[in-house]
Amino acid sequence: MVESESFIKEVSEEVKRDKLFKSLNKFKWPLFGSILLLVGLVGGYEYYKFDKKTTAQENGEVLVSAIENLKKSGETVSGEIENQFLAILIKLNEAKYFEETGDIKSAKNAYSFVINKYSDNRFFRDYAKFQLYLMDPAESLSDTKKIEVLDKLSAPDSPMKLLALEQKLYLYVKANDLDNINILLKLISSDRAITPEQVSRIKEVESIYELN
């Protein structure tokens, strides 16, 4: 009786092992495919990180080389650059270089190039427009065309909003227009994006008119 029970137990275990083997054999290819996919994903991600790092390094080298060539010999980049962000940075650096060296015409051309060529990039387009304005700012409220530029740049969705509002504030200070000075001071100071430097400049205006 004992031997019979032992035999039945052995047969039962053998059947279980056979079922397990068949199950594993049935799912071995899907399992193998899943492992292969996982390995491929990990490998692909590691390659992506490596490629991104290499590309960033190459772009950095191009930017540094462009800056060095500009400072040493005034040489600008004339070829087409695939990376739009890199191309804009190089062109803006050229514009600032020309501005600092007194070549206003070349500086304006460089800023205008950014505005026209990369008009889909709101931040850099408005930044270039603001730099052009600073090169030839309005002297009074009668400079309507220049005021129109500030009006557009000070729109709620403009990345140059606060800086443009400051320029409008200075025009009202020149005109001693206290009502509009108060309005602009409130607009600027209530904006969450205001910087510590801007806070300091606003306080100076407030102290002049004893508004604080």
C-alpha atoms as a PDB file:
ATOM      1  CA  MET A   1       0.000   0.000   0.000  1.00  0.00           C
ATOM      2  CA  VAL A   2       2.848   2.291   0.925  1.00  0.00           C
ATOM      3  CA  GLU A   3       4.742   1.390  -2.240  1.00  0.00           C
ATOM      4  CA  SER A   4       1.599   2.044  -4.284  1.00  0.00           C
ATOM      5  CA  GLU A   5       1.123   5.489  -2.759  1.00  0.00           C
ATOM      6  CA  SER A   6       4.798   6.292  -3.323  1.00  0.00           C
ATOM      7  CA  PHE A   7       4.503   5.207  -6.964  1.00  0.00           C
ATOM      8  CA  ILE A   8       1.388   7.364  -7.464  1.00  0.00           C
ATOM      9  CA  LYS A   9       3.170  10.345  -5.898  1.00  0.00           C
ATOM     10  CA  GLU A  10       6.170   9.925  -8.200  1.00  0.00           C
ATOM     11  CA  VAL A  11       3.900   9.659 -11.250  1.00  0.00           C
ATOM     12  CA  SER A  12       1.967  12.733 -10.133  1.00  0.00           C
ATOM     13  CA  GLU A  13       5.182  14.764  -9.734  1.00  0.00           C
ATOM     14  CA  GLU A  14       6.396  13.542 -13.115  1.00  0.00           C
ATOM     15  CA  VAL A  15       3.124  14.664 -14.710  1.00  0.00           C
ATOM     16  CA  LYS A  16       3.446  18.075 -13.063  1.00  0.00           C
ATOM     17  CA  ARG A  17       7.032  18.435 -14.319  1.00  0.00           C
ATOM     18  CA  ASP A  18       5.947  17.386 -17.780  1.00  0.00           C
ATOM     19  CA  LYS A  19       3.145  19.972 -17.775  1.00  0.00           C
ATOM     20  CA  LEU A  20       5.561  22.661 -16.556  1.00  0.00           C
ATOM     21  CA  PHE A  21       8.065  21.754 -19.243  1.00  0.00           C
ATOM     22  CA  LYS A  22       5.373  21.868 -21.920  1.00  0.00           C
ATOM     23  CA  SER A  23       4.172  25.268 -20.646  1.00  0.00           C
ATOM     24  CA  LEU A  24       7.688  26.662 -20.657  1.00  0.00           C
ATOM     25  CA  ASN A  25       8.306  25.198 -24.085  1.00  0.00           C
ATOM     26  CA  LYS A  26       5.041  26.711 -25.317  1.00  0.00           C
ATOM     27  CA  PHE A  27       5.962  30.223 -24.135  1.00  0.00           C
ATOM     28  CA  LYS A  28       9.714  30.112 -24.724  1.00  0.00           C
ATOM     29  CA  TRP A  29       9.596  32.143 -27.949  1.00  0.00           C
ATOM     30  CA  PRO A  30       7.357  34.915 -26.587  1.00  0.00           C
ATOM     31  CA  LEU A  31       9.545  34.981 -23.477  1.00  0.00           C
ATOM     32  CA  PHE A  32      12.700  35.064 -25.570  1.00  0.00           C
ATOM     33  CA  GLY A  33      11.166  37.834 -27.707  1.00  0.00           C
ATOM     34  CA  SER A  34      10.320  39.891 -24.600  1.00  0.00           C
ATOM     35  CA  ILE A  35      13.859  39.546 -23.270  1.00  0.00           C
ATOM     36  CA  LEU A  36      15.278  40.467 -26.663  1.00  0.00           C
ATOM     37  CA  LEU A  37      12.965  43.516 -26.853  1.00  0.00           C
ATOM     38  CA  LEU A  38      13.994  44.615 -23.366  1.00  0.00           C
ATOM     39  CA  VAL A  39      17.676  44.289 -24.232  1.00  0.00           C
ATOM     40  CA  GLY A  40      17.044  46.237 -27.450  1.00  0.00           C
ATOM     41  CA  LEU A  41      15.230  49.027 -25.595  1.00  0.00           C
ATOM     42  CA  VAL A  42      17.982  49.359 -23.004  1.00  0.00           C
ATOM     43  CA  GLY A  43      20.636  49.316 -25.710  1.00  0.00           C
ATOM     44  CA  GLY A  44      18.710  51.842 -27.797  1.00  0.00           C
ATOM     45  CA  TYR A  45      18.312  54.190 -24.845  1.00  0.00           C
ATOM     46  CA  GLU A  46      22.012  53.975 -24.022  1.00  0.00           C
ATOM     47  CA  TYR A  47      22.855  54.744 -27.656  1.00  0.00           C
ATOM     48  CA  TYR A  48      20.401  57.674 -27.610  1.00  0.00           C
ATOM     49  CA  LYS A  49      22.131  59.112 -24.530  1.00  0.00           C
ATOM     50  CA  PHE A  50      25.548  58.626 -26.106  1.00  0.00           C
ATOM     51  CA  ASP A  51      24.448  60.175 -29.417  1.00  0.00           C
ATOM     52  CA  LYS A  52      22.811  63.116 -27.633  1.00  0.00           C
ATOM     53  CA  LYS A  53      25.948  63.722 -25.576  1.00  0.00           C
ATOM     54  CA  THR A  54      28.138  63.506 -28.682  1.00  0.00           C
ATOM     55  CA  THR A  55      25.884  65.882 -30.621  1.00  0.00           C
ATOM     56  CA  ALA A  56      25.829  68.375 -27.742  1.00  0.00           C
ATOM     57  CA  GLN A  57      29.611  68.223 -27.530  1.00  0.00           C
ATOM     58  CA  GLU A  58      29.973  68.776 -31.287  1.00  0.00           C
ATOM     59  CA  ASN A  59      27.554  71.728 -31.192  1.00  0.00           C
ATOM     60  CA  GLY A  60      29.465  73.206 -28.277  1.00  0.00           C
ATOM     61  CA  GLU A  61      32.714  72.937 -30.219  1.00  0.00           C
ATOM     62  CA  VAL A  62      31.138  74.634 -33.257  1.00  0.00           C
ATOM     63  CA  LEU A  63      29.864  77.499 -31.073  1.00  0.00           C
ATOM     64  CA  VAL A  64      33.214  77.990 -29.330  1.00  0.00           C
ATOM     65  CA  SER A  65      35.045  77.893 -32.660  1.00  0.00           C
ATOM     66  CA  ALA A  66      32.642  80.455 -34.156  1.00  0.00           C
ATOM     67  CA  ILE A  67      33.140  82.820 -31.191  1.00  0.00           C
ATOM     68  CA  GLU A  68      36.923  82.478 -31.315  1.00  0.00           C
ATOM     69  CA  ASN A  69      37.099  83.082 -35.085  1.00  0.00           C
ATOM     70  CA  LEU A  70      34.858  86.134 -34.732  1.00  0.00           C
ATOM     71  CA  LYS A  71      36.996  87.667 -31.977  1.00  0.00           C
ATOM     72  CA  LYS A  72      40.322  86.892 -33.641  1.00  0.00           C
ATOM     73  CA  SER A  73      39.606  87.889 -37.225  1.00  0.00           C
ATOM     74  CA  GLY A  74      36.012  89.123 -37.402  1.00  0.00           C
ATOM     75  CA  GLU A  75      35.100  86.003 -39.370  1.00  0.00           C
ATOM     76  CA  THR A  76      31.401  85.146 -39.410  1.00  0.00           C
ATOM     77  CA  VAL A  77      29.750  81.792 -40.122  1.00  0.00           C
ATOM     78  CA  SER A  78      28.416  81.775 -43.664  1.00  0.00           C
ATOM     79  CA  GLY A  79      27.448  78.121 -44.124  1.00  0.00           C
ATOM     80  CA  GLU A  80      24.070  76.609 -43.330  1.00  0.00           C
ATOM     81  CA  ILE A  81      23.769  75.102 -39.833  1.00  0.00           C
ATOM     82  CA  GLU A  82      21.221  72.323 -39.346  1.00  0.00           C
ATOM     83  CA  ASN A  83      20.709  72.878 -35.620  1.00  0.00           C
ATOM     84  CA  GLN A  84      18.424  75.931 -35.445  1.00  0.00           C
ATOM     85  CA  PHE A  85      19.191  76.749 -31.814  1.00  0.00           C
ATOM     86  CA  LEU A  86      22.933  76.697 -32.519  1.00  0.00           C
ATOM     87  CA  ALA A  87      22.514  78.822 -35.660  1.00  0.00           C
ATOM     88  CA  ILE A  88      20.552  81.459 -33.721  1.00  0.00           C
ATOM     89  CA  LEU A  89      23.100  81.596 -30.897  1.00  0.00           C
ATOM     90  CA  ILE A  90      25.939  82.094 -33.376  1.00  0.00           C
ATOM     91  CA  LYS A  91      24.079  84.859 -35.233  1.00  0.00           C
ATOM     92  CA  LEU A  92      23.114  86.660 -31.999  1.00  0.00           C
ATOM     93  CA  ASN A  93      26.713  86.454 -30.827  1.00  0.00           C
ATOM     94  CA  GLU A  94      27.791  88.040 -34.101  1.00  0.00           C
ATOM     95  CA  ALA A  95      25.205  90.808 -33.652  1.00  0.00           C
ATOM     96  CA  LYS A  96      26.436  91.576 -30.129  1.00  0.00           C
ATOM     97  CA  TYR A  97      30.056  91.525 -31.298  1.00  0.00           C
ATOM     98  CA  PHE A  98      29.356  94.034 -34.076  1.00  0.00           C
ATOM     99  CA  GLU A  99      27.392  96.184 -31.664  1.00  0.00           C
ATOM    100  CA  GLU A 100      30.280  96.260 -29.183  1.00  0.00           C
ATOM    101  CA  THR A 101      32.826  97.056 -31.887  1.00  0.00           C
ATOM    102  CA  GLY A 102      30.713  99.932 -33.218  1.00  0.00           C
ATOM    103  CA  ASP A 103      29.671  98.279 -36.482  1.00  0.00           C
ATOM    104  CA  ILE A 104      26.016  99.199 -36.019  1.00  0.00           C
ATOM    105  CA  LYS A 105      25.008  98.387 -39.593  1.00  0.00           C
ATOM    106  CA  SER A 106      26.316  94.807 -39.353  1.00  0.00           C
ATOM    107  CA  ALA A 107      24.734  94.416 -35.913  1.00  0.00           C
ATOM    108  CA  LYS A 108      21.337  95.512 -37.234  1.00  0.00           C
ATOM    109  CA  ASN A 109      21.685  93.170 -40.212  1.00  0.00           C
ATOM    110  CA  ALA A 110      22.450  90.255 -37.885  1.00  0.00           C
ATOM    111  CA  TYR A 111      19.453  90.962 -35.650  1.00  0.00           C
ATOM    112  CA  SER A 112      17.208  91.430 -38.693  1.00  0.00           C
ATOM    113  CA  PHE A 113      18.462  88.104 -40.054  1.00  0.00           C
ATOM    114  CA  VAL A 114      17.315  86.341 -36.876  1.00  0.00           C
ATOM    115  CA  ILE A 115      13.913  88.070 -37.024  1.00  0.00           C
ATOM    116  CA  ASN A 116      13.309  87.103 -40.658  1.00  0.00           C
ATOM    117  CA  LYS A 117      14.983  83.700 -40.785  1.00  0.00           C
ATOM    118  CA  TYR A 118      13.719  82.345 -37.457  1.00  0.00           C
ATOM    119  CA  SER A 119      10.401  84.150 -37.087  1.00  0.00           C
ATOM    120  CA  ASP A 120       8.775  80.940 -35.786  1.00  0.00           C
ATOM    121  CA  ASN A 121      10.924  81.127 -32.635  1.00  0.00           C
ATOM    122  CA  ARG A 122       9.032  83.705 -30.568  1.00  0.00           C
ATOM    123  CA  PHE A 123      11.632  84.194 -27.869  1.00  0.00           C
ATOM    124  CA  PHE A 124      14.632  84.890 -30.110  1.00  0.00           C
ATOM    125  CA  ARG A 125      12.555  86.868 -32.615  1.00  0.00           C
ATOM    126  CA  ASP A 126      11.296  89.230 -29.899  1.00  0.00           C
ATOM    127  CA  TYR A 127      14.735  89.348 -28.283  1.00  0.00           C
ATOM    128  CA  ALA A 128      16.261  90.492 -31.588  1.00  0.00           C
ATOM    129  CA  LYS A 129      13.519  93.099 -32.016  1.00  0.00           C
ATOM    130  CA  PHE A 130      14.151  94.402 -28.508  1.00  0.00           C
ATOM    131  CA  GLN A 131      17.897  94.645 -29.154  1.00  0.00           C
ATOM    132  CA  LEU A 132      17.198  96.596 -32.345  1.00  0.00           C
ATOM    133  CA  TYR A 133      15.000  98.965 -30.360  1.00  0.00           C
ATOM    134  CA  LEU A 134      17.720  99.497 -27.734  1.00  0.00           C
ATOM    135  CA  MET A 135      20.172 100.412 -30.483  1.00  0.00           C
ATOM    136  CA  ASP A 136      17.841 103.212 -31.543  1.00  0.00           C
ATOM    137  CA  PRO A 137      15.368 103.866 -28.693  1.00  0.00           C
ATOM    138  CA  ALA A 138      12.509 106.331 -28.784  1.00  0.00           C
ATOM    139  CA  GLU A 139      13.460 109.742 -27.441  1.00  0.00           C
ATOM    140  CA  SER A 140       9.896 110.773 -26.691  1.00  0.00           C
ATOM    141  CA  LEU A 141       6.297 109.651 -26.924  1.00  0.00           C
ATOM    142  CA  SER A 142       6.112 111.299 -30.343  1.00  0.00           C
ATOM    143  CA  ASP A 143       8.250 108.505 -31.858  1.00  0.00           C
ATOM    144  CA  THR A 144       5.116 106.584 -32.759  1.00  0.00           C
ATOM    145  CA  LYS A 145       6.772 103.871 -34.857  1.00  0.00           C
ATOM    146  CA  LYS A 146       9.180 103.020 -32.055  1.00  0.00           C
ATOM    147  CA  ILE A 147       6.369 103.094 -29.515  1.00  0.00           C
ATOM    148  CA  GLU A 148       4.482 100.592 -31.699  1.00  0.00           C
ATOM    149  CA  VAL A 149       7.440  98.218 -31.399  1.00  0.00           C
ATOM    150  CA  LEU A 150       7.303  98.511 -27.615  1.00  0.00           C
ATOM    151  CA  ASP A 151       3.538  97.967 -27.647  1.00  0.00           C
ATOM    152  CA  LYS A 152       3.989  94.665 -29.484  1.00  0.00           C
ATOM    153  CA  LEU A 153       6.894  93.570 -27.303  1.00  0.00           C
ATOM    154  CA  SER A 154       4.974  94.396 -24.110  1.00  0.00           C
ATOM    155  CA  ALA A 155       2.005  92.205 -25.053  1.00  0.00           C
ATOM    156  CA  PRO A 156       0.957  89.761 -22.272  1.00  0.00           C
ATOM    157  CA  ASP A 157       2.355  86.736 -24.120  1.00  0.00           C
ATOM    158  CA  SER A 158       5.643  88.323 -25.181  1.00  0.00           C
ATOM    159  CA  PRO A 159       8.856  86.984 -23.569  1.00  0.00           C
ATOM    160  CA  MET A 160      10.192  90.558 -23.589  1.00  0.00           C
ATOM    161  CA  LYS A 161       7.107  91.981 -21.865  1.00  0.00           C
ATOM    162  CA  LEU A 162       8.717  93.281 -18.670  1.00  0.00           C
ATOM    163  CA  LEU A 163      11.726  94.805 -20.404  1.00  0.00           C
ATOM    164  CA  ALA A 164       9.496  96.511 -22.957  1.00  0.00           C
ATOM    165  CA  LEU A 165       7.247  97.852 -20.183  1.00  0.00           C
ATOM    166  CA  GLU A 166      10.322  99.289 -18.484  1.00  0.00           C
ATOM    167  CA  GLN A 167      11.255 101.132 -21.659  1.00  0.00           C
ATOM    168  CA  LYS A 168       7.742 102.562 -21.857  1.00  0.00           C
ATOM    169  CA  LEU A 169       8.026 103.582 -18.206  1.00  0.00           C
ATOM    170  CA  TYR A 170      11.205 105.556 -18.916  1.00  0.00           C
ATOM    171  CA  LEU A 171       9.442 107.412 -21.717  1.00  0.00           C
ATOM    172  CA  TYR A 172       6.636 108.407 -19.338  1.00  0.00           C
ATOM    173  CA  VAL A 173       9.237 109.459 -16.780  1.00  0.00           C
ATOM    174  CA  LYS A 174      10.782 111.735 -19.417  1.00  0.00           C
ATOM    175  CA  ALA A 175       7.338 113.148 -20.135  1.00  0.00           C
ATOM    176  CA  ASN A 176       6.610 113.405 -16.393  1.00  0.00           C
ATOM    177  CA  ASP A 177       3.293 111.604 -17.015  1.00  0.00           C
ATOM    178  CA  LEU A 178       2.468 110.557 -13.442  1.00  0.00           C
ATOM    179  CA  ASP A 179      -0.762 108.714 -14.265  1.00  0.00           C
ATOM    180  CA  ASN A 180       0.902 106.365 -16.763  1.00  0.00           C
ATOM    181  CA  ILE A 181       3.950 106.038 -14.510  1.00  0.00           C
ATOM    182  CA  ASN A 182       1.700 104.709 -11.751  1.00  0.00           C
ATOM    183  CA  ILE A 183      -0.047 102.300 -14.132  1.00  0.00           C
ATOM    184  CA  LEU A 184       3.221 100.873 -15.453  1.00  0.00           C
ATOM    185  CA  LEU A 185       4.796 100.604 -12.002  1.00  0.00           C
ATOM    186  CA  LYS A 186       1.846  98.480 -10.873  1.00  0.00           C
ATOM    187  CA  LEU A 187       1.966  96.336 -14.025  1.00  0.00           C
ATOM    188  CA  ILE A 188       5.668  95.638 -13.686  1.00  0.00           C
ATOM    189  CA  SER A 189       5.824  95.135  -9.919  1.00  0.00           C
ATOM    190  CA  SER A 190       2.814  92.754  -9.902  1.00  0.00           C
ATOM    191  CA  ASP A 191       4.341  90.457 -12.517  1.00  0.00           C
ATOM    192  CA  ARG A 192       5.658  87.200 -11.027  1.00  0.00           C
ATOM    193  CA  ALA A 193       8.504  87.078 -13.531  1.00  0.00           C
ATOM    194  CA  ILE A 194      10.054  90.307 -12.259  1.00  0.00           C
ATOM    195  CA  THR A 195      13.766  89.988 -11.435  1.00  0.00           C
ATOM    196  CA  PRO A 196      15.589  91.450  -8.391  1.00  0.00           C
ATOM    197  CA  GLU A 197      17.367  93.899 -10.712  1.00  0.00           C
ATOM    198  CA  GLN A 198      14.040  95.112 -12.076  1.00  0.00           C
ATOM    199  CA  VAL A 199      12.653  95.465  -8.555  1.00  0.00           C
ATOM    200  CA  SER A 200      15.631  97.677  -7.716  1.00  0.00           C
ATOM    201  CA  ARG A 201      15.063  99.859 -10.797  1.00  0.00           C
ATOM    202  CA  ILE A 202      11.340 100.150 -10.048  1.00  0.00           C
ATOM    203  CA  LYS A 203      12.071 101.244  -6.487  1.00  0.00           C
ATOM    204  CA  GLU A 204      14.342 103.973  -7.827  1.00  0.00           C
ATOM    205  CA  VAL A 205      11.507 105.367  -9.935  1.00  0.00           C
ATOM    206  CA  GLU A 206       9.110 105.123  -6.990  1.00  0.00           C
ATOM    207  CA  SER A 207      11.532 106.982  -4.760  1.00  0.00           C
ATOM    208  CA  ILE A 208      11.914 109.790  -7.321  1.00  0.00           C
ATOM    209  CA  TYR A 209       8.163 110.390  -7.324  1.00  0.00           C
ATOM    210  CA  GLU A 210       7.782 109.459  -3.623  1.00  0.00           C
ATOM    211  CA  LEU A 211       5.318 106.721  -4.539  1.00  0.00           C
ATOM    212  CA  ASN A 212       6.526 104.122  -2.067  1.00  0.00           C
END
